[in-house]
C-alpha atoms as a PDB file:
ATOM      1  CA  MET A   1     199.144  17.796  80.196  1.00  0.00           C
ATOM      2  CA  SER A   2     201.487  14.956  79.094  1.00  0.00           C
ATOM      3  CA  ILE A   3     202.990  12.144  80.863  1.00  0.00           C
ATOM      4  CA  GLY A   4     206.222  10.501  79.963  1.00  0.00           C
ATOM      5  CA  CYS A   5     206.292   6.722  79.603  1.00  0.00           C
ATOM      6  CA  ASN A   6     209.317   4.427  78.915  1.00  0.00           C
ATOM      7  CA  LYS A   7     207.067   1.568  77.633  1.00  0.00           C
ATOM      8  CA  PRO A   8     205.689   1.650  74.068  1.00  0.00           C
ATOM      9  CA  LEU A   9     201.842   1.900  73.736  1.00  0.00           C
ATOM     10  CA  ALA A  10     201.681  -1.235  71.676  1.00  0.00           C
ATOM     11  CA  GLU A  11     203.933  -4.146  70.961  1.00  0.00           C
ATOM     12  CA  ARG A  12     205.424  -4.411  67.566  1.00  0.00           C
ATOM     13  CA  VAL A  13     204.270  -7.614  65.689  1.00  0.00           C
ATOM     14  CA  TYR A  14     206.156  -9.053  62.800  1.00  0.00           C
ATOM     15  CA  SER A  15     204.082 -10.993  60.268  1.00  0.00           C
ATOM     16  CA  PHE A  16     204.245 -13.005  57.154  1.00  0.00           C
ATOM     17  CA  GLN A  17     201.173 -13.887  55.114  1.00  0.00           C
ATOM     18  CA  VAL A  18     199.907 -17.300  54.043  1.00  0.00           C
ATOM     19  CA  LYS A  19     197.655 -17.055  51.051  1.00  0.00           C
ATOM     20  CA  ASP A  20     195.236 -19.389  49.395  1.00  0.00           C
ATOM     21  CA  GLU A  21     195.049 -19.092  45.666  1.00  0.00           C
ATOM     22  CA  SER A  22     193.465 -22.452  45.170  1.00  0.00           C
ATOM     23  CA  GLY A  23     190.064 -21.210  45.886  1.00  0.00           C
ATOM     24  CA  LYS A  24     189.488 -24.192  48.311  1.00  0.00           C
ATOM     25  CA  GLY A  25     191.036 -22.949  51.535  1.00  0.00           C
ATOM     26  CA  PHE A  26     193.177 -25.313  53.814  1.00  0.00           C
ATOM     27  CA  GLY A  27     194.370 -25.894  57.209  1.00  0.00           C
ATOM     28  CA  LEU A  28     197.911 -24.845  58.320  1.00  0.00           C
ATOM     29  CA  LEU A  29     200.131 -26.153  61.009  1.00  0.00           C
ATOM     30  CA  ILE A  30     203.623 -24.857  61.683  1.00  0.00           C
ATOM     31  CA  SER A  31     206.437 -27.010  63.021  1.00  0.00           C
ATOM     32  CA  GLU A  32     209.777 -25.678  64.384  1.00  0.00           C
ATOM     33  CA  LEU A  33     211.168 -29.169  64.515  1.00  0.00           C
ATOM     34  CA  TYR A  34     212.837 -29.250  61.075  1.00  0.00           C
ATOM     35  CA  PRO A  35     214.514 -31.542  59.654  1.00  0.00           C
ATOM     36  CA  ASP A  36     211.961 -33.745  61.516  1.00  0.00           C
ATOM     37  CA  THR A  37     209.219 -33.995  58.878  1.00  0.00           C
ATOM     38  CA  THR A  38     206.743 -35.768  61.204  1.00  0.00           C
ATOM     39  CA  ILE A  39     203.316 -33.882  61.589  1.00  0.00           C
ATOM     40  CA  PRO A  40     203.356 -32.499  65.101  1.00  0.00           C
ATOM     41  CA  ASP A  41     200.663 -33.717  67.453  1.00  0.00           C
ATOM     42  CA  GLN A  42     199.137 -30.151  67.685  1.00  0.00           C
ATOM     43  CA  TYR A  43     195.687 -30.471  66.158  1.00  0.00           C
ATOM     44  CA  SER A  44     194.483 -27.523  68.295  1.00  0.00           C
ATOM     45  CA  LYS A  45     197.063 -25.260  66.676  1.00  0.00           C
ATOM     46  CA  ILE A  46     195.806 -25.754  63.045  1.00  0.00           C
ATOM     47  CA  LYS A  47     194.983 -22.387  61.528  1.00  0.00           C
ATOM     48  CA  GLY A  48     192.307 -22.064  58.855  1.00  0.00           C
ATOM     49  CA  ILE A  49     193.238 -20.247  55.726  1.00  0.00           C
ATOM     50  CA  PRO A  50     189.933 -19.315  53.918  1.00  0.00           C
ATOM     51  CA  PRO A  51     189.555 -19.641  50.067  1.00  0.00           C
ATOM     52  CA  LEU A  52     191.207 -16.892  48.191  1.00  0.00           C
ATOM     53  CA  GLN A  53     192.397 -15.027  51.356  1.00  0.00           C
ATOM     54  CA  SER A  54     195.443 -14.626  53.287  1.00  0.00           C
ATOM     55  CA  VAL A  55     195.998 -14.935  57.136  1.00  0.00           C
ATOM     56  CA  PRO A  56     199.051 -13.513  58.930  1.00  0.00           C
ATOM     57  CA  VAL A  57     201.516 -15.621  60.950  1.00  0.00           C
ATOM     58  CA  ASP A  58     202.772 -13.349  63.720  1.00  0.00           C
ATOM     59  CA  SER A  59     205.827 -13.090  65.952  1.00  0.00           C
ATOM     60  CA  LYS A  60     206.719 -10.650  68.673  1.00  0.00           C
ATOM     61  CA  ILE A  61     210.342 -10.712  67.742  1.00  0.00           C
ATOM     62  CA  LYS A  62     211.982 -10.009  64.430  1.00  0.00           C
ATOM     63  CA  TRP A  63     212.030 -12.934  61.975  1.00  0.00           C
ATOM     64  CA  GLU A  64     215.883 -12.779  61.962  1.00  0.00           C
ATOM     65  CA  LYS A  65     216.047 -13.534  65.620  1.00  0.00           C
ATOM     66  CA  TYR A  66     213.097 -15.940  65.557  1.00  0.00           C
ATOM     67  CA  PHE A  67     214.844 -18.142  62.840  1.00  0.00           C
ATOM     68  CA  ALA A  68     218.264 -17.896  64.518  1.00  0.00           C
ATOM     69  CA  GLY A  69     216.571 -19.510  67.540  1.00  0.00           C
ATOM     70  CA  LEU A  70     215.256 -22.439  65.713  1.00  0.00           C
ATOM     71  CA  PRO A  71     217.149 -25.836  65.756  1.00  0.00           C
ATOM     72  CA  ALA A  72     217.855 -25.729  61.980  1.00  0.00           C
ATOM     73  CA  ASP A  73     216.884 -22.199  60.974  1.00  0.00           C
ATOM     74  CA  THR A  74     213.926 -23.563  59.129  1.00  0.00           C
ATOM     75  CA  LEU A  75     210.079 -23.969  59.711  1.00  0.00           C
ATOM     76  CA  SER A  76     207.813 -26.571  58.191  1.00  0.00           C
ATOM     77  CA  LEU A  77     204.471 -25.460  57.068  1.00  0.00           C
ATOM     78  CA  PHE A  78     201.879 -28.384  56.811  1.00  0.00           C
ATOM     79  CA  LEU A  79     198.891 -27.778  54.550  1.00  0.00           C
ATOM     80  CA  PHE A  80     195.837 -29.904  55.004  1.00  0.00           C
ATOM     81  CA  SER A  81     192.680 -30.220  52.820  1.00  0.00           C
ATOM     82  CA  GLY A  82     189.448 -29.322  54.891  1.00  0.00           C
ATOM     83  CA  ASP A  83     187.842 -32.475  53.697  1.00  0.00           C
ATOM     84  CA  THR A  84     190.740 -34.670  54.910  1.00  0.00           C
ATOM     85  CA  LEU A  85     190.594 -33.080  58.358  1.00  0.00           C
ATOM     86  CA  GLN A  86     186.748 -33.777  58.490  1.00  0.00           C
ATOM     87  CA  LYS A  87     186.975 -37.325  56.972  1.00  0.00           C
ATOM     88  CA  TYR A  88     189.845 -38.714  59.114  1.00  0.00           C
ATOM     89  CA  SER A  89     190.892 -38.802  62.687  1.00  0.00           C
ATOM     90  CA  TRP A  90     193.852 -36.645  63.699  1.00  0.00           C
ATOM     91  CA  ALA A  91     195.797 -39.971  64.303  1.00  0.00           C
ATOM     92  CA  GLU A  92     194.915 -41.154  60.762  1.00  0.00           C
ATOM     93  CA  VAL A  93     196.012 -37.852  59.293  1.00  0.00           C
ATOM     94  CA  ARG A  94     199.349 -37.960  61.129  1.00  0.00           C
ATOM     95  CA  ALA A  95     200.058 -41.705  60.594  1.00  0.00           C
ATOM     96  CA  GLY A  96     199.064 -41.487  56.816  1.00  0.00           C
ATOM     97  CA  TYR A  97     200.972 -38.164  56.281  1.00  0.00           C
ATOM     98  CA  LYS A  98     197.700 -36.835  54.680  1.00  0.00           C
ATOM     99  CA  ILE A  99     198.905 -33.353  53.678  1.00  0.00           C
ATOM    100  CA  ILE A 100     198.406 -31.579  50.525  1.00  0.00           C
ATOM    101  CA  LYS A 101     201.810 -29.798  50.749  1.00  0.00           C
ATOM    102  CA  ARG A 102     204.722 -29.328  53.036  1.00  0.00           C
ATOM    103  CA  ILE A 103     206.737 -26.095  52.697  1.00  0.00           C
ATOM    104  CA  ASP A 104     210.045 -25.880  54.389  1.00  0.00           C
ATOM    105  CA  LEU A 105     210.611 -22.193  55.128  1.00  0.00           C
ATOM    106  CA  SER A 106     213.919 -20.534  55.812  1.00  0.00           C
ATOM    107  CA  LEU A 107     214.436 -16.813  56.440  1.00  0.00           C
ATOM    108  CA  ASP A 108     215.971 -16.405  53.035  1.00  0.00           C
ATOM    109  CA  TYR A 109     213.102 -18.113  51.344  1.00  0.00           C
ATOM    110  CA  LEU A 110     210.574 -15.982  53.298  1.00  0.00           C
ATOM    111  CA  LYS A 111     212.416 -12.698  52.251  1.00  0.00           C
ATOM    112  CA  ALA A 112     212.665 -13.866  48.599  1.00  0.00           C
ATOM    113  CA  LYS A 113     208.842 -14.410  48.525  1.00  0.00           C
ATOM    114  CA  ASN A 114     208.421 -10.868  50.181  1.00  0.00           C
ATOM    115  CA  TYR A 115     206.889 -12.309  53.352  1.00  0.00           C
ATOM    116  CA  THR A 116     203.955 -13.993  51.463  1.00  0.00           C
ATOM    117  CA  ILE A 117     203.628 -17.763  51.151  1.00  0.00           C
ATOM    118  CA  THR A 118     201.090 -18.729  48.503  1.00  0.00           C
ATOM    119  CA  TYR A 119     199.408 -22.087  47.864  1.00  0.00           C
ATOM    120  CA  PRO A 120     199.456 -23.523  45.254  1.00  0.00           C
END
């Protein structure tokens, strides 16, 4: 016996990968506020990227629609050393702009990188 259903069994998830090739791992924080390059006060949203591994960044909508809804069609990815996050308070990290790298990510850049962002 089969039952018809109009809803899909699982929601589609769209992802890009953030990959560590430094062997040290890092913390990742994503900001949708570009061109504002201030580190957002969102410590609880830092995602750990383990050494020599990749971690997905997911969206429930297609990336084209997601980026179109941003204020400037660009995301900023802030990368932090784990040592920095342990040594300094979050206020000190933000005030001193203690990042190892910031990547400004447009949809075109994401596509050109085949949906994989690699550090370094």
